[in-house]
Amino acid sequence: QVQLVESGGGLVQPGGSLRLSCAASGIIFRVYHMGWYRQAPGKQRELVARITSGGSTNYADSVKGRFTISRDNAKSTVYLQMNSLKPEDTAVYYCNGEATLVPGSIYWGQGTQVTVSS
């Protein structure tokens, strides 16, 4: 059974920081591209950050310079460090994994709520 389990969400003030974690099981983690997506009420799910199996990263323009994605293959875990948080970052954040060469091998976590409010 494949599982992606997010943790680390919560309520923070504007300008604060959070670190999200996504622990994977049931996959060969090192061959998966991993990403973080988010979905705010009434909005489409959007890519926040992505890290390939080789360690290359890319970010949405709205978070570039504030968020950092990283991975620890030994722990089968991907992280999202979020700094200088803004109210518009409020959303449910989802972990995503996709196998490099296997069509259909795409998995999602259940999501973790991030709320940025004073």
C-alpha atoms as a PDB file:
ATOM      1  CA  GLN A   1       0.000   0.000   0.000  1.00  0.00           C
ATOM      2  CA  VAL A   2       1.318   3.398  -1.011  1.00  0.00           C
ATOM      3  CA  GLN A   3       1.026   6.155   1.553  1.00  0.00           C
ATOM      4  CA  LEU A   4       2.072   9.783   1.551  1.00  0.00           C
ATOM      5  CA  VAL A   5       1.445  11.377   4.930  1.00  0.00           C
ATOM      6  CA  GLU A   6       1.820  15.121   5.402  1.00  0.00           C
ATOM      7  CA  SER A   7       2.467  16.820   8.707  1.00  0.00           C
ATOM      8  CA  GLY A   8       3.554  20.184  10.052  1.00  0.00           C
ATOM      9  CA  GLY A   9       0.653  22.404   9.105  1.00  0.00           C
ATOM     10  CA  GLY A  10      -0.996  24.800  11.472  1.00  0.00           C
ATOM     11  CA  LEU A  11      -1.878  28.390  12.252  1.00  0.00           C
ATOM     12  CA  VAL A  12       0.851  31.014  11.999  1.00  0.00           C
ATOM     13  CA  GLN A  13       1.025  34.789  11.916  1.00  0.00           C
ATOM     14  CA  PRO A  14       2.032  36.668   8.779  1.00  0.00           C
ATOM     15  CA  GLY A  15       5.801  36.662   8.498  1.00  0.00           C
ATOM     16  CA  GLY A  16       6.087  33.399  10.372  1.00  0.00           C
ATOM     17  CA  SER A  17       7.487  30.054   9.281  1.00  0.00           C
ATOM     18  CA  LEU A  18       6.383  26.449   9.031  1.00  0.00           C
ATOM     19  CA  ARG A  19       8.093  23.282   7.899  1.00  0.00           C
ATOM     20  CA  LEU A  20       5.944  20.656   6.233  1.00  0.00           C
ATOM     21  CA  SER A  21       6.979  17.027   6.010  1.00  0.00           C
ATOM     22  CA  CYS A  22       5.718  14.231   3.782  1.00  0.00           C
ATOM     23  CA  ALA A  23       6.661  10.702   4.741  1.00  0.00           C
ATOM     24  CA  ALA A  24       6.325   8.124   1.974  1.00  0.00           C
ATOM     25  CA  SER A  25       5.934   4.385   2.209  1.00  0.00           C
ATOM     26  CA  GLY A  26       5.229   1.627  -0.293  1.00  0.00           C
ATOM     27  CA  ILE A  27       7.300   3.206  -3.075  1.00  0.00           C
ATOM     28  CA  ILE A  28      10.921   3.261  -4.139  1.00  0.00           C
ATOM     29  CA  PHE A  29      11.238   6.831  -2.986  1.00  0.00           C
ATOM     30  CA  ARG A  30      14.545   7.665  -4.646  1.00  0.00           C
ATOM     31  CA  VAL A  31      13.127   7.145  -8.174  1.00  0.00           C
ATOM     32  CA  TYR A  32      10.138   9.436  -7.598  1.00  0.00           C
ATOM     33  CA  HIS A  33       9.794  13.079  -8.445  1.00  0.00           C
ATOM     34  CA  MET A  34       8.157  14.751  -5.459  1.00  0.00           C
ATOM     35  CA  GLY A  35       6.150  17.915  -5.181  1.00  0.00           C
ATOM     36  CA  TRP A  36       4.044  20.121  -2.998  1.00  0.00           C
ATOM     37  CA  TYR A  37       0.733  21.471  -4.236  1.00  0.00           C
ATOM     38  CA  ARG A  38      -1.836  23.632  -2.523  1.00  0.00           C
ATOM     39  CA  GLN A  39      -5.501  24.383  -2.881  1.00  0.00           C
ATOM     40  CA  ALA A  40      -7.287  27.355  -1.390  1.00  0.00           C
ATOM     41  CA  PRO A  41     -11.097  27.567  -1.132  1.00  0.00           C
ATOM     42  CA  GLY A  42     -12.623  28.226  -4.544  1.00  0.00           C
ATOM     43  CA  LYS A  43      -9.277  27.821  -6.294  1.00  0.00           C
ATOM     44  CA  GLN A  44      -7.646  25.146  -8.420  1.00  0.00           C
ATOM     45  CA  ARG A  45      -4.906  23.016  -6.995  1.00  0.00           C
ATOM     46  CA  GLU A  46      -1.587  24.566  -7.962  1.00  0.00           C
ATOM     47  CA  LEU A  47       2.024  23.490  -7.953  1.00  0.00           C
ATOM     48  CA  VAL A  48       4.034  25.116  -5.186  1.00  0.00           C
ATOM     49  CA  ALA A  49       7.375  23.369  -5.496  1.00  0.00           C
ATOM     50  CA  ARG A  50       8.856  20.285  -7.111  1.00  0.00           C
ATOM     51  CA  ILE A  51      12.016  18.281  -6.657  1.00  0.00           C
ATOM     52  CA  THR A  52      13.097  15.593  -9.094  1.00  0.00           C
ATOM     53  CA  SER A  53      14.666  12.270  -8.269  1.00  0.00           C
ATOM     54  CA  GLY A  54      17.972  13.901  -9.166  1.00  0.00           C
ATOM     55  CA  GLY A  55      17.466  16.847  -6.838  1.00  0.00           C
ATOM     56  CA  SER A  56      16.546  19.588  -9.311  1.00  0.00           C
ATOM     57  CA  THR A  57      13.953  22.035  -7.996  1.00  0.00           C
ATOM     58  CA  ASN A  58      11.432  24.497  -9.309  1.00  0.00           C
ATOM     59  CA  TYR A  59       8.969  26.827  -7.614  1.00  0.00           C
ATOM     60  CA  ALA A  60       5.873  28.810  -8.303  1.00  0.00           C
ATOM     61  CA  ASP A  61       6.709  32.470  -8.802  1.00  0.00           C
ATOM     62  CA  SER A  62       4.537  33.364  -5.821  1.00  0.00           C
ATOM     63  CA  VAL A  63       6.740  31.418  -3.399  1.00  0.00           C
ATOM     64  CA  LYS A  64      10.182  31.704  -4.969  1.00  0.00           C
ATOM     65  CA  GLY A  65      12.667  33.044  -2.463  1.00  0.00           C
ATOM     66  CA  ARG A  66      10.432  32.207   0.487  1.00  0.00           C
ATOM     67  CA  PHE A  67       9.896  28.437   0.235  1.00  0.00           C
ATOM     68  CA  THR A  68      12.465  25.666  -0.082  1.00  0.00           C
ATOM     69  CA  ILE A  69      11.769  22.067  -1.062  1.00  0.00           C
ATOM     70  CA  SER A  70      14.189  19.324  -0.086  1.00  0.00           C
ATOM     71  CA  ARG A  71      14.279  15.565   0.220  1.00  0.00           C
ATOM     72  CA  ASP A  72      15.942  12.952   2.361  1.00  0.00           C
ATOM     73  CA  ASN A  73      15.983   9.685   0.459  1.00  0.00           C
ATOM     74  CA  ALA A  74      17.255   7.754   3.470  1.00  0.00           C
ATOM     75  CA  LYS A  75      14.098   8.780   5.334  1.00  0.00           C
ATOM     76  CA  SER A  76      11.771   8.643   2.304  1.00  0.00           C
ATOM     77  CA  THR A  77      10.658  12.140   3.229  1.00  0.00           C
ATOM     78  CA  VAL A  78      10.204  15.388   1.346  1.00  0.00           C
ATOM     79  CA  TYR A  79      10.069  18.742   3.125  1.00  0.00           C
ATOM     80  CA  LEU A  80       8.769  22.200   2.419  1.00  0.00           C
ATOM     81  CA  GLN A  81      10.303  24.995   4.452  1.00  0.00           C
ATOM     82  CA  MET A  82       8.000  28.008   4.316  1.00  0.00           C
ATOM     83  CA  ASN A  83       9.282  31.387   5.464  1.00  0.00           C
ATOM     84  CA  SER A  84       7.853  34.892   5.377  1.00  0.00           C
ATOM     85  CA  LEU A  85       4.359  33.477   5.179  1.00  0.00           C
ATOM     86  CA  LYS A  86       1.551  35.618   3.827  1.00  0.00           C
ATOM     87  CA  PRO A  87      -2.225  35.325   4.251  1.00  0.00           C
ATOM     88  CA  GLU A  88      -2.471  34.322   0.593  1.00  0.00           C
ATOM     89  CA  ASP A  89      -0.424  31.212   1.403  1.00  0.00           C
ATOM     90  CA  THR A  90      -3.416  29.879   3.324  1.00  0.00           C
ATOM     91  CA  ALA A  91      -4.450  26.576   1.754  1.00  0.00           C
ATOM     92  CA  VAL A  92      -4.446  22.842   2.146  1.00  0.00           C
ATOM     93  CA  TYR A  93      -1.010  21.606   1.137  1.00  0.00           C
ATOM     94  CA  TYR A  94      -0.701  18.241  -0.586  1.00  0.00           C
ATOM     95  CA  CYS A  95       2.279  16.004  -1.144  1.00  0.00           C
ATOM     96  CA  ASN A  96       2.648  14.433  -4.592  1.00  0.00           C
ATOM     97  CA  GLY A  97       4.855  11.693  -5.969  1.00  0.00           C
ATOM     98  CA  GLU A  98       5.347  10.506  -9.546  1.00  0.00           C
ATOM     99  CA  ALA A  99       7.536   7.673 -10.773  1.00  0.00           C
ATOM    100  CA  THR A 100      10.102   8.702 -13.351  1.00  0.00           C
ATOM    101  CA  LEU A 101       9.322   6.055 -15.990  1.00  0.00           C
ATOM    102  CA  VAL A 102       6.065   4.372 -14.988  1.00  0.00           C
ATOM    103  CA  PRO A 103       2.850   5.894 -16.397  1.00  0.00           C
ATOM    104  CA  GLY A 104       0.066   6.050 -13.849  1.00  0.00           C
ATOM    105  CA  SER A 105       2.322   5.816 -10.824  1.00  0.00           C
ATOM    106  CA  ILE A 106       1.098   9.064  -9.292  1.00  0.00           C
ATOM    107  CA  TYR A 107       0.185   9.401  -5.638  1.00  0.00           C
ATOM    108  CA  TRP A 108      -1.240  12.062  -3.359  1.00  0.00           C
ATOM    109  CA  GLY A 109      -1.314  12.618   0.357  1.00  0.00           C
ATOM    110  CA  GLN A 110      -4.408  13.646   2.278  1.00  0.00           C
ATOM    111  CA  GLY A 111      -3.222  17.197   2.828  1.00  0.00           C
ATOM    112  CA  THR A 112      -2.361  19.406   5.758  1.00  0.00           C
ATOM    113  CA  GLN A 113      -3.958  22.766   6.511  1.00  0.00           C
ATOM    114  CA  VAL A 114      -1.820  25.888   6.593  1.00  0.00           C
ATOM    115  CA  THR A 115      -3.503  29.040   7.840  1.00  0.00           C
ATOM    116  CA  VAL A 116      -1.696  32.384   7.893  1.00  0.00           C
ATOM    117  CA  SER A 117      -3.636  34.924   9.890  1.00  0.00           C
ATOM    118  CA  SER A 118      -3.236  37.505  12.599  1.00  0.00           C
END
